[in-house]
Full PDB file with SEQRES, HELIX, SHEET, SSBOND, CRYST1, ORIGX, SCALE, CONECT and MASTER records, all heavy atoms in Angstrom:
SEQRES   1 A   32  HIS GLY ALA GLY GLU ARG ASP ARG ILE ARG ILE GLU GLU          
SEQRES   2 A   32  THR LEU GLY GLU HIS ARG ALA ALA LEU MET GLU SER ASP          
SEQRES   3 A   32  GLU GLU VAL GLY ARG LEU                                      
HELIX    1 AA1 GLY A    2  GLU A   24  1                                  23    
CRYST1    1.000    1.000    1.000  90.00  90.00  90.00 P 1           1          
ORIGX1      1.000000  0.000000  0.000000        0.00000                         
ORIGX2      0.000000  1.000000  0.000000        0.00000                         
ORIGX3      0.000000  0.000000  1.000000        0.00000                         
SCALE1      1.000000  0.000000  0.000000        0.00000                         
SCALE2      0.000000  1.000000  0.000000        0.00000                         
SCALE3      0.000000  0.000000  1.000000        0.00000                         
ATOM      1  N   HIS A   1      50.858   0.539  20.159  1.00  0.00           N  
ATOM      2  CA  HIS A   1      50.536  -0.860  19.889  1.00  0.00           C  
ATOM      3  C   HIS A   1      49.889  -0.976  18.470  1.00  0.00           C  
ATOM      4  O   HIS A   1      50.151  -1.885  17.668  1.00  0.00           O  
ATOM      5  CB  HIS A   1      49.553  -1.337  20.928  1.00  0.00           C  
ATOM      6  CG  HIS A   1      49.099  -2.781  20.680  1.00  0.00           C  
ATOM      7  ND1 HIS A   1      47.912  -3.164  19.937  1.00  0.00           N  
ATOM      8  CD2 HIS A   1      49.645  -3.968  21.017  1.00  0.00           C  
ATOM      9  CE1 HIS A   1      47.840  -4.468  19.793  1.00  0.00           C  
ATOM     10  NE2 HIS A   1      48.864  -4.929  20.470  1.00  0.00           N  
ATOM     11  N   GLY A   2      49.111   0.004  18.073  1.00  0.00           N  
ATOM     12  CA  GLY A   2      48.552  -0.032  16.769  1.00  0.00           C  
ATOM     13  C   GLY A   2      49.656   0.260  15.670  1.00  0.00           C  
ATOM     14  O   GLY A   2      49.630  -0.484  14.551  1.00  0.00           O  
ATOM     15  N   ALA A   3      50.576   1.127  15.981  1.00  0.00           N  
ATOM     16  CA  ALA A   3      51.762   1.246  14.932  1.00  0.00           C  
ATOM     17  C   ALA A   3      52.444  -0.038  14.891  1.00  0.00           C  
ATOM     18  O   ALA A   3      52.939  -0.408  13.770  1.00  0.00           O  
ATOM     19  CB  ALA A   3      52.606   2.366  15.419  1.00  0.00           C  
ATOM     20  N   GLY A   4      52.868  -0.699  16.010  1.00  0.00           N  
ATOM     21  CA  GLY A   4      53.552  -1.924  15.986  1.00  0.00           C  
ATOM     22  C   GLY A   4      52.802  -3.029  15.147  1.00  0.00           C  
ATOM     23  O   GLY A   4      53.367  -3.777  14.447  1.00  0.00           O  
ATOM     24  N   GLU A   5      51.431  -2.949  15.330  1.00  0.00           N  
ATOM     25  CA  GLU A   5      50.691  -3.937  14.623  1.00  0.00           C  
ATOM     26  C   GLU A   5      50.729  -3.707  13.092  1.00  0.00           C  
ATOM     27  O   GLU A   5      50.845  -4.587  12.312  1.00  0.00           O  
ATOM     28  CB  GLU A   5      49.289  -3.937  15.136  1.00  0.00           C  
ATOM     29  CG  GLU A   5      48.352  -4.946  14.508  1.00  0.00           C  
ATOM     30  CD  GLU A   5      48.719  -6.380  14.950  1.00  0.00           C  
ATOM     31  OE1 GLU A   5      49.456  -6.612  15.968  1.00  0.00           O  
ATOM     32  OE2 GLU A   5      48.374  -7.363  14.313  1.00  0.00           O  
ATOM     33  N   ARG A   6      50.702  -2.514  12.706  1.00  0.00           N  
ATOM     34  CA  ARG A   6      50.819  -2.101  11.409  1.00  0.00           C  
ATOM     35  C   ARG A   6      52.225  -2.459  10.685  1.00  0.00           C  
ATOM     36  O   ARG A   6      52.343  -3.000   9.638  1.00  0.00           O  
ATOM     37  CB  ARG A   6      50.548  -0.563  11.086  1.00  0.00           C  
ATOM     38  CG  ARG A   6      49.176  -0.233  11.363  1.00  0.00           C  
ATOM     39  CD  ARG A   6      48.846   1.240  10.898  1.00  0.00           C  
ATOM     40  NE  ARG A   6      49.585   2.310  11.656  1.00  0.00           N  
ATOM     41  CZ  ARG A   6      49.126   2.732  12.798  1.00  0.00           C  
ATOM     42  NH1 ARG A   6      47.970   2.402  13.205  1.00  0.00           N  
ATOM     43  NH2 ARG A   6      49.974   3.674  13.409  1.00  0.00           N  
ATOM     44  N   ASP A   7      53.270  -2.262  11.635  1.00  0.00           N  
ATOM     45  CA  ASP A   7      54.560  -2.636  11.083  1.00  0.00           C  
ATOM     46  C   ASP A   7      54.655  -4.198  10.964  1.00  0.00           C  
ATOM     47  O   ASP A   7      55.326  -4.698  10.059  1.00  0.00           O  
ATOM     48  CB  ASP A   7      55.598  -2.205  12.082  1.00  0.00           C  
ATOM     49  CG  ASP A   7      55.827  -0.688  12.152  1.00  0.00           C  
ATOM     50  OD1 ASP A   7      55.418   0.018  11.173  1.00  0.00           O  
ATOM     51  OD2 ASP A   7      56.289  -0.109  13.165  1.00  0.00           O  
ATOM     52  N   ARG A   8      54.116  -4.865  11.878  1.00  0.00           N  
ATOM     53  CA  ARG A   8      54.098  -6.396  11.723  1.00  0.00           C  
ATOM     54  C   ARG A   8      53.407  -6.763  10.453  1.00  0.00           C  
ATOM     55  O   ARG A   8      53.817  -7.628   9.685  1.00  0.00           O  
ATOM     56  CB  ARG A   8      53.343  -6.974  12.939  1.00  0.00           C  
ATOM     57  CG  ARG A   8      53.325  -8.469  12.948  1.00  0.00           C  
ATOM     58  CD  ARG A   8      52.540  -9.029  14.173  1.00  0.00           C  
ATOM     59  NE  ARG A   8      51.145  -8.635  13.998  1.00  0.00           N  
ATOM     60  CZ  ARG A   8      50.319  -9.290  13.135  1.00  0.00           C  
ATOM     61  NH1 ARG A   8      50.780 -10.339  12.401  1.00  0.00           N  
ATOM     62  NH2 ARG A   8      49.045  -8.983  13.071  1.00  0.00           N  
ATOM     63  N   ILE A   9      52.377  -6.125  10.187  1.00  0.00           N  
ATOM     64  CA  ILE A   9      51.495  -6.496   8.973  1.00  0.00           C  
ATOM     65  C   ILE A   9      52.350  -6.211   7.661  1.00  0.00           C  
ATOM     66  O   ILE A   9      52.418  -7.013   6.732  1.00  0.00           O  
ATOM     67  CB  ILE A   9      50.202  -5.819   8.911  1.00  0.00           C  
ATOM     68  CG1 ILE A   9      49.343  -6.325  10.031  1.00  0.00           C  
ATOM     69  CG2 ILE A   9      49.535  -6.033   7.541  1.00  0.00           C  
ATOM     70  CD1 ILE A   9      48.040  -5.553  10.083  1.00  0.00           C  
ATOM     71  N   ARG A  10      52.980  -5.009   7.765  1.00  0.00           N  
ATOM     72  CA  ARG A  10      53.847  -4.671   6.642  1.00  0.00           C  
ATOM     73  C   ARG A  10      54.999  -5.536   6.455  1.00  0.00           C  
ATOM     74  O   ARG A  10      55.362  -5.991   5.307  1.00  0.00           O  
ATOM     75  CB  ARG A  10      54.339  -3.177   6.811  1.00  0.00           C  
ATOM     76  CG  ARG A  10      55.085  -2.703   5.556  1.00  0.00           C  
ATOM     77  CD  ARG A  10      55.386  -1.206   5.671  1.00  0.00           C  
ATOM     78  NE  ARG A  10      56.230  -0.984   6.850  1.00  0.00           N  
ATOM     79  CZ  ARG A  10      55.802  -0.364   7.964  1.00  0.00           C  
ATOM     80  NH1 ARG A  10      54.509   0.014   8.021  1.00  0.00           N  
ATOM     81  NH2 ARG A  10      56.587  -0.162   8.938  1.00  0.00           N  
ATOM     82  N   ILE A  11      55.602  -5.987   7.555  1.00  0.00           N  
ATOM     83  CA  ILE A  11      56.807  -6.911   7.457  1.00  0.00           C  
ATOM     84  C   ILE A  11      56.291  -8.307   6.950  1.00  0.00           C  
ATOM     85  O   ILE A  11      56.923  -8.867   6.197  1.00  0.00           O  
ATOM     86  CB  ILE A  11      57.389  -7.015   8.795  1.00  0.00           C  
ATOM     87  CG1 ILE A  11      58.074  -5.772   9.180  1.00  0.00           C  
ATOM     88  CG2 ILE A  11      58.404  -8.140   8.874  1.00  0.00           C  
ATOM     89  CD1 ILE A  11      58.574  -5.714  10.591  1.00  0.00           C  
ATOM     90  N   GLU A  12      55.177  -8.678   7.402  1.00  0.00           N  
ATOM     91  CA  GLU A  12      54.655  -9.957   6.860  1.00  0.00           C  
ATOM     92  C   GLU A  12      54.427  -9.983   5.278  1.00  0.00           C  
ATOM     93  O   GLU A  12      54.590 -10.838   4.615  1.00  0.00           O  
ATOM     94  CB  GLU A  12      53.431 -10.347   7.602  1.00  0.00           C  
ATOM     95  CG  GLU A  12      53.667 -10.819   9.051  1.00  0.00           C  
ATOM     96  CD  GLU A  12      52.358 -11.157   9.794  1.00  0.00           C  
ATOM     97  OE1 GLU A  12      51.364 -10.876   9.242  1.00  0.00           O  
ATOM     98  OE2 GLU A  12      52.504 -11.722  10.889  1.00  0.00           O  
ATOM     99  N   GLU A  13      53.844  -8.774   4.938  1.00  0.00           N  
ATOM    100  CA  GLU A  13      53.625  -8.599   3.485  1.00  0.00           C  
ATOM    101  C   GLU A  13      55.014  -8.648   2.762  1.00  0.00           C  
ATOM    102  O   GLU A  13      55.146  -9.254   1.623  1.00  0.00           O  
ATOM    103  CB  GLU A  13      52.859  -7.283   3.219  1.00  0.00           C  
ATOM    104  CG  GLU A  13      51.515  -7.266   3.724  1.00  0.00           C  
ATOM    105  CD  GLU A  13      50.847  -5.954   3.566  1.00  0.00           C  
ATOM    106  OE1 GLU A  13      51.554  -4.922   3.217  1.00  0.00           O  
ATOM    107  OE2 GLU A  13      49.580  -5.784   3.780  1.00  0.00           O  
ATOM    108  N   THR A  14      55.980  -7.886   3.336  1.00  0.00           N  
ATOM    109  CA  THR A  14      57.360  -7.949   2.658  1.00  0.00           C  
ATOM    110  C   THR A  14      57.835  -9.375   2.542  1.00  0.00           C  
ATOM    111  O   THR A  14      58.450  -9.798   1.563  1.00  0.00           O  
ATOM    112  CB  THR A  14      58.288  -6.970   3.457  1.00  0.00           C  
ATOM    113  OG1 THR A  14      57.636  -5.717   3.435  1.00  0.00           O  
ATOM    114  CG2 THR A  14      59.512  -6.891   2.771  1.00  0.00           C  
ATOM    115  N   LEU A  15      57.697 -10.072   3.661  1.00  0.00           N  
ATOM    116  CA  LEU A  15      58.179 -11.462   3.720  1.00  0.00           C  
ATOM    117  C   LEU A  15      57.460 -12.306   2.666  1.00  0.00           C  
ATOM    118  O   LEU A  15      58.141 -13.137   1.977  1.00  0.00           O  
ATOM    119  CB  LEU A  15      57.978 -12.051   5.235  1.00  0.00           C  
ATOM    120  CG  LEU A  15      58.460 -13.434   5.390  1.00  0.00           C  
ATOM    121  CD1 LEU A  15      59.824 -13.638   5.098  1.00  0.00           C  
ATOM    122  CD2 LEU A  15      57.971 -13.949   6.845  1.00  0.00           C  
ATOM    123  N   GLY A  16      56.294 -12.069   2.436  1.00  0.00           N  
ATOM    124  CA  GLY A  16      55.529 -12.767   1.365  1.00  0.00           C  
ATOM    125  C   GLY A  16      56.122 -12.488   0.044  1.00  0.00           C  
ATOM    126  O   GLY A  16      56.300 -13.418  -0.824  1.00  0.00           O  
ATOM    127  N   GLU A  17      56.467 -11.236  -0.179  1.00  0.00           N  
ATOM    128  CA  GLU A  17      57.010 -10.825  -1.484  1.00  0.00           C  
ATOM    129  C   GLU A  17      58.407 -11.488  -1.683  1.00  0.00           C  
ATOM    130  O   GLU A  17      58.633 -12.005  -2.744  1.00  0.00           O  
ATOM    131  CB  GLU A  17      57.103  -9.305  -1.482  1.00  0.00           C  
ATOM    132  CG  GLU A  17      55.766  -8.594  -1.531  1.00  0.00           C  
ATOM    133  CD  GLU A  17      55.935  -7.025  -1.461  1.00  0.00           C  
ATOM    134  OE1 GLU A  17      57.122  -6.628  -1.339  1.00  0.00           O  
ATOM    135  OE2 GLU A  17      54.942  -6.297  -1.487  1.00  0.00           O  
ATOM    136  N   HIS A  18      59.147 -11.475  -0.626  1.00  0.00           N  
ATOM    137  CA  HIS A  18      60.504 -12.063  -0.696  1.00  0.00           C  
ATOM    138  C   HIS A  18      60.335 -13.610  -0.972  1.00  0.00           C  
ATOM    139  O   HIS A  18      61.090 -14.211  -1.727  1.00  0.00           O  
ATOM    140  CB  HIS A  18      61.322 -11.854   0.510  1.00  0.00           C  
ATOM    141  CG  HIS A  18      61.870 -10.446   0.555  1.00  0.00           C  
ATOM    142  ND1 HIS A  18      62.933 -10.051  -0.146  1.00  0.00           N  
ATOM    143  CD2 HIS A  18      61.430  -9.356   1.172  1.00  0.00           C  
ATOM    144  CE1 HIS A  18      63.222  -8.764   0.090  1.00  0.00           C  
ATOM    145  NE2 HIS A  18      62.322  -8.287   0.869  1.00  0.00           N  
ATOM    146  N   ARG A  19      59.393 -14.271  -0.318  1.00  0.00           N  
ATOM    147  CA  ARG A  19      59.181 -15.746  -0.564  1.00  0.00           C  
ATOM    148  C   ARG A  19      58.753 -15.906  -1.977  1.00  0.00           C  
ATOM    149  O   ARG A  19      59.262 -16.891  -2.610  1.00  0.00           O  
ATOM    150  CB  ARG A  19      58.142 -16.197   0.397  1.00  0.00           C  
ATOM    151  CG  ARG A  19      58.570 -16.378   1.841  1.00  0.00           C  
ATOM    152  CD  ARG A  19      57.587 -16.880   2.719  1.00  0.00           C  
ATOM    153  NE  ARG A  19      58.102 -17.065   4.131  1.00  0.00           N  
ATOM    154  CZ  ARG A  19      57.261 -17.346   5.139  1.00  0.00           C  
ATOM    155  NH1 ARG A  19      55.930 -17.563   4.954  1.00  0.00           N  
ATOM    156  NH2 ARG A  19      57.812 -17.552   6.343  1.00  0.00           N  
ATOM    157  N   ALA A  20      57.992 -14.997  -2.540  1.00  0.00           N  
ATOM    158  CA  ALA A  20      57.511 -15.243  -3.975  1.00  0.00           C  
ATOM    159  C   ALA A  20      58.724 -15.087  -4.847  1.00  0.00           C  
ATOM    160  O   ALA A  20      58.921 -15.744  -5.887  1.00  0.00           O  
ATOM    161  CB  ALA A  20      56.463 -14.183  -4.295  1.00  0.00           C  
ATOM    162  N   ALA A  21      59.646 -13.975  -4.460  1.00  0.00           N  
ATOM    163  CA  ALA A  21      60.695 -13.734  -5.286  1.00  0.00           C  
ATOM    164  C   ALA A  21      61.728 -14.884  -5.231  1.00  0.00           C  
ATOM    165  O   ALA A  21      62.399 -15.286  -6.157  1.00  0.00           O  
ATOM    166  CB  ALA A  21      61.458 -12.441  -4.871  1.00  0.00           C  
ATOM    167  N   LEU A  22      61.818 -15.496  -4.033  1.00  0.00           N  
ATOM    168  CA  LEU A  22      62.636 -16.668  -3.859  1.00  0.00           C  
ATOM    169  C   LEU A  22      62.258 -17.922  -4.696  1.00  0.00           C  
ATOM    170  O   LEU A  22      63.054 -18.603  -5.275  1.00  0.00           O  
ATOM    171  CB  LEU A  22      62.669 -17.140  -2.346  1.00  0.00           C  
ATOM    172  CG  LEU A  22      63.604 -18.245  -1.936  1.00  0.00           C  
ATOM    173  CD1 LEU A  22      65.062 -17.981  -2.269  1.00  0.00           C  
ATOM    174  CD2 LEU A  22      63.462 -18.660  -0.509  1.00  0.00           C  
ATOM    175  N   MET A  23      60.930 -18.064  -4.825  1.00  0.00           N  
ATOM    176  CA  MET A  23      60.453 -19.183  -5.683  1.00  0.00           C  
ATOM    177  C   MET A  23      60.685 -18.873  -7.096  1.00  0.00           C  
ATOM    178  O   MET A  23      60.899 -19.763  -7.929  1.00  0.00           O  
ATOM    179  CB  MET A  23      58.944 -19.385  -5.378  1.00  0.00           C  
ATOM    180  CG  MET A  23      58.594 -19.846  -3.901  1.00  0.00           C  
ATOM    181  SD  MET A  23      56.825 -19.961  -3.588  1.00  0.00           S  
ATOM    182  CE  MET A  23      56.428 -21.196  -4.933  1.00  0.00           C  
ATOM    183  N   GLU A  24      60.728 -17.606  -7.570  1.00  0.00           N  
ATOM    184  CA  GLU A  24      60.945 -17.271  -8.940  1.00  0.00           C  
ATOM    185  C   GLU A  24      62.418 -17.406  -9.384  1.00  0.00           C  
ATOM    186  O   GLU A  24      62.639 -17.582 -10.567  1.00  0.00           O  
ATOM    187  CB  GLU A  24      60.329 -15.863  -9.155  1.00  0.00           C  
ATOM    188  CG  GLU A  24      58.891 -15.742  -9.008  1.00  0.00           C  
ATOM    189  CD  GLU A  24      58.329 -14.183  -9.185  1.00  0.00           C  
ATOM    190  OE1 GLU A  24      59.305 -13.404  -9.348  1.00  0.00           O  
ATOM    191  OE2 GLU A  24      57.207 -14.094  -9.144  1.00  0.00           O  
ATOM    192  N   SER A  25      63.269 -17.118  -8.296  1.00  0.00           N  
ATOM    193  CA  SER A  25      64.698 -17.194  -8.775  1.00  0.00           C  
ATOM    194  C   SER A  25      65.430 -17.878  -7.781  1.00  0.00           C  
ATOM    195  O   SER A  25      65.593 -17.605  -6.621  1.00  0.00           O  
ATOM    196  CB  SER A  25      65.170 -15.746  -8.920  1.00  0.00           C  
ATOM    197  OG  SER A  25      66.572 -15.691  -9.264  1.00  0.00           O  
ATOM    198  N   ASP A  26      65.989 -19.057  -8.254  1.00  0.00           N  
ATOM    199  CA  ASP A  26      66.837 -19.827  -7.434  1.00  0.00           C  
ATOM    200  C   ASP A  26      68.173 -19.317  -7.266  1.00  0.00           C  
ATOM    201  O   ASP A  26      68.918 -19.577  -6.285  1.00  0.00           O  
ATOM    202  CB  ASP A  26      66.960 -21.229  -7.968  1.00  0.00           C  
ATOM    203  CG  ASP A  26      65.688 -22.005  -7.965  1.00  0.00           C  
ATOM    204  OD1 ASP A  26      64.895 -21.744  -7.099  1.00  0.00           O  
ATOM    205  OD2 ASP A  26      65.571 -22.994  -8.764  1.00  0.00           O  
ATOM    206  N   GLU A  27      68.515 -18.412  -8.113  1.00  0.00           N  
ATOM    207  CA  GLU A  27      69.854 -17.860  -8.138  1.00  0.00           C  
ATOM    208  C   GLU A  27      69.938 -16.813  -6.952  1.00  0.00           C  
ATOM    209  O   GLU A  27      71.083 -16.647  -6.468  1.00  0.00           O  
ATOM    210  CB  GLU A  27      70.082 -17.035  -9.395  1.00  0.00           C  
ATOM    211  CG  GLU A  27      70.173 -18.035 -10.645  1.00  0.00           C  
ATOM    212  CD  GLU A  27      70.412 -17.274 -11.962  1.00  0.00           C  
ATOM    213  OE1 GLU A  27      70.406 -16.002 -11.837  1.00  0.00           O  
ATOM    214  OE2 GLU A  27      70.499 -17.885 -12.969  1.00  0.00           O  
ATOM    215  N   GLU A  28      68.941 -16.182  -6.650  1.00  0.00           N  
ATOM    216  CA  GLU A  28      68.966 -15.226  -5.643  1.00  0.00           C  
ATOM    217  C   GLU A  28      68.619 -15.760  -4.180  1.00  0.00           C  
ATOM    218  O   GLU A  28      68.304 -15.160  -3.295  1.00  0.00           O  
ATOM    219  CB  GLU A  28      68.043 -14.059  -5.882  1.00  0.00           C  
ATOM    220  CG  GLU A  28      68.408 -13.291  -7.180  1.00  0.00           C  
ATOM    221  CD  GLU A  28      67.404 -12.139  -7.444  1.00  0.00           C  
ATOM    222  OE1 GLU A  28      66.387 -12.060  -6.663  1.00  0.00           O  
ATOM    223  OE2 GLU A  28      67.669 -11.402  -8.371  1.00  0.00           O  
ATOM    224  N   VAL A  29      68.629 -17.152  -4.103  1.00  0.00           N  
ATOM    225  CA  VAL A  29      68.270 -17.714  -2.885  1.00  0.00           C  
ATOM    226  C   VAL A  29      69.101 -17.381  -1.694  1.00  0.00           C  
ATOM    227  O   VAL A  29      68.611 -17.093  -0.615  1.00  0.00           O  
ATOM    228  CB  VAL A  29      68.297 -19.345  -3.136  1.00  0.00           C  
ATOM    229  CG1 VAL A  29      68.130 -20.061  -1.802  1.00  0.00           C  
ATOM    230  CG2 VAL A  29      67.284 -19.783  -4.071  1.00  0.00           C  
ATOM    231  N   GLY A  30      70.398 -17.469  -1.930  1.00  0.00           N  
ATOM    232  CA  GLY A  30      71.171 -17.069  -0.849  1.00  0.00           C  
ATOM    233  C   GLY A  30      71.058 -15.658  -0.235  1.00  0.00           C  
ATOM    234  O   GLY A  30      70.979 -15.446   0.902  1.00  0.00           O  
ATOM    235  N   ARG A  31      70.938 -14.799  -1.402  1.00  0.00           N  
ATOM    236  CA  ARG A  31      70.670 -13.411  -1.029  1.00  0.00           C  
ATOM    237  C   ARG A  31      69.408 -13.205  -0.282  1.00  0.00           C  
ATOM    238  O   ARG A  31      69.259 -12.562   0.719  1.00  0.00           O  
ATOM    239  CB  ARG A  31      70.875 -12.474  -2.253  1.00  0.00           C  
ATOM    240  CG  ARG A  31      70.827 -11.032  -1.914  1.00  0.00           C  
ATOM    241  CD  ARG A  31      70.985 -10.279  -3.131  1.00  0.00           C  
ATOM    242  NE  ARG A  31      69.954 -10.626  -4.242  1.00  0.00           N  
ATOM    243  CZ  ARG A  31      68.781 -10.160  -4.269  1.00  0.00           C  
ATOM    244  NH1 ARG A  31      68.349  -9.330  -3.353  1.00  0.00           N  
ATOM    245  NH2 ARG A  31      67.857 -10.521  -5.184  1.00  0.00           N  
ATOM    246  N   LEU A  32      68.518 -13.873  -0.982  1.00  0.00           N  
ATOM    247  CA  LEU A  32      67.082 -13.646  -0.328  1.00  0.00           C  
ATOM    248  C   LEU A  32      66.980 -14.330   1.036  1.00  0.00           C  
ATOM    249  O   LEU A  32      66.357 -13.929   1.969  1.00  0.00           O  
ATOM    250  CB  LEU A  32      66.100 -14.368  -1.280  1.00  0.00           C  
ATOM    251  CG  LEU A  32      65.875 -13.625  -2.655  1.00  0.00           C  
ATOM    252  CD1 LEU A  32      64.825 -14.393  -3.513  1.00  0.00           C  
ATOM    253  CD2 LEU A  32      65.415 -12.193  -2.277  1.00  0.00           C  
TER     254      LEU A  32                                                      
MASTER        0    0    0    1    0    0    0    6  253    1    0    3          
END                                                                             
């Protein structure tokens, strides 16, 4: 359960990074 919780946190962090990247580049919207 602790490992799954860590994965969830890491995934959420990655999702945030992708959202930031999506805002910076409209061109990569589809891919993102």
